[in-house]
Amino acid sequence: MHSDLEPEPDLAEFTCRGTWAARIEVPEPTATLVLNAIELDVTKAWVTDGAGAAIDAATIELDEETERVTLLFAAPVPAGSTTLH
């Protein structure tokens, strides 16, 4: 997996905003991705394929107990290499 992180720290508020993108391999088509999200507030997510086509996450659910976020996509994410944003 390859990832890019672009942090935007706010030193006055002791917070950090930013963007993250990771190249992932999806073994089979799926409309759900589950990620570890310790102390993260995910507000928007989408995937792009090699051709640049985007699929937005229709729902983002944070489970504070397990510290995981579930991304539910409007359409299945196809199998193969994709970038998660």
Protein backbone atom coordinates (compact mmCIF):
# COMPACT_ATOMS: atom_id res chain seq x y z
CA MET A 1 0.00 0.00 0.00
CA HIS A 2 1.23 3.48 -0.85
CA SER A 3 -0.26 6.50 0.90
CA ASP A 4 0.04 10.29 0.77
CA LEU A 5 -0.75 12.53 3.74
CA GLU A 6 -1.16 16.31 3.58
CA PRO A 7 -1.62 17.57 7.16
CA GLU A 8 -2.86 21.07 8.02
CA PRO A 9 -2.11 21.55 11.75
CA ASP A 10 -3.90 24.16 13.85
CA LEU A 11 -1.47 24.83 16.70
CA ALA A 12 -3.84 27.21 18.48
CA GLU A 13 -6.60 24.56 18.71
CA PHE A 14 -4.27 21.53 19.00
CA THR A 15 -6.01 19.87 16.05
CA CYS A 16 -4.97 18.74 12.62
CA ARG A 17 -7.01 18.68 9.42
CA GLY A 18 -5.83 17.34 6.15
CA THR A 19 -6.19 14.87 3.35
CA TRP A 20 -5.03 11.31 2.97
CA ALA A 21 -4.96 9.02 -0.05
CA ALA A 22 -3.90 5.38 -0.16
CA ARG A 23 -3.43 3.03 -3.09
CA ILE A 24 -5.20 -0.20 -2.15
CA GLU A 25 -5.99 -3.55 -3.77
CA VAL A 26 -9.64 -4.57 -3.64
CA PRO A 27 -9.82 -8.39 -3.94
CA GLU A 28 -13.47 -8.51 -5.07
CA PRO A 29 -16.16 -5.92 -5.80
CA THR A 30 -17.59 -4.45 -2.60
CA ALA A 31 -19.74 -1.52 -1.50
CA THR A 32 -18.23 -1.50 2.00
CA LEU A 33 -14.72 -0.70 3.27
CA VAL A 34 -13.80 -0.79 6.98
CA LEU A 35 -10.75 1.09 8.27
CA ASN A 36 -9.02 1.67 11.59
CA ALA A 37 -9.77 5.26 12.61
CA ILE A 38 -8.33 5.90 16.04
CA GLU A 39 -9.13 9.52 17.01
CA LEU A 40 -10.01 10.42 13.40
CA ASP A 41 -13.06 12.34 12.23
CA VAL A 42 -13.71 11.24 8.64
CA THR A 43 -16.04 13.71 6.94
CA LYS A 44 -15.75 12.71 3.27
CA ALA A 45 -14.44 9.66 1.42
CA TRP A 46 -14.29 8.36 -2.14
CA VAL A 47 -12.33 5.98 -4.34
CA THR A 48 -10.88 6.55 -7.79
CA ASP A 49 -9.85 3.89 -10.28
CA GLY A 50 -6.90 4.02 -12.67
CA ALA A 51 -8.97 5.97 -15.20
CA GLY A 52 -9.89 8.59 -12.58
CA ALA A 53 -13.55 7.59 -12.20
CA ALA A 54 -14.77 8.39 -8.67
CA ILE A 55 -17.26 6.63 -6.41
CA ASP A 56 -18.34 8.60 -3.33
CA ALA A 57 -19.03 7.05 0.05
CA ALA A 58 -22.76 7.52 0.56
CA THR A 59 -22.50 6.85 4.31
CA ILE A 60 -19.63 7.16 6.79
CA GLU A 61 -20.19 5.39 10.11
CA LEU A 62 -17.76 5.75 13.02
CA ASP A 63 -17.77 3.07 15.72
CA GLU A 64 -16.05 4.72 18.68
CA GLU A 65 -15.92 1.46 20.66
CA THR A 66 -13.91 -0.43 18.01
CA GLU A 67 -12.25 2.75 16.68
CA ARG A 68 -13.19 1.82 13.12
CA VAL A 69 -14.95 3.68 10.36
CA THR A 70 -17.19 1.94 7.84
CA LEU A 71 -17.51 3.48 4.39
CA LEU A 72 -20.65 2.50 2.48
CA PHE A 73 -20.38 3.39 -1.21
CA ALA A 74 -23.19 4.40 -3.56
CA ALA A 75 -21.98 1.76 -6.04
CA PRO A 76 -19.67 -1.25 -5.65
CA VAL A 77 -15.96 -0.51 -5.66
CA PRO A 78 -14.57 -2.72 -8.46
CA ALA A 79 -11.91 -5.35 -7.84
CA GLY A 80 -8.34 -4.30 -8.54
CA SER A 81 -6.10 -1.37 -7.76
CA THR A 82 -7.87 1.78 -6.57
CA THR A 83 -7.08 4.93 -4.59
CA LEU A 84 -8.99 5.61 -1.40
CA HIS A 85 -9.33 9.31 -0.49
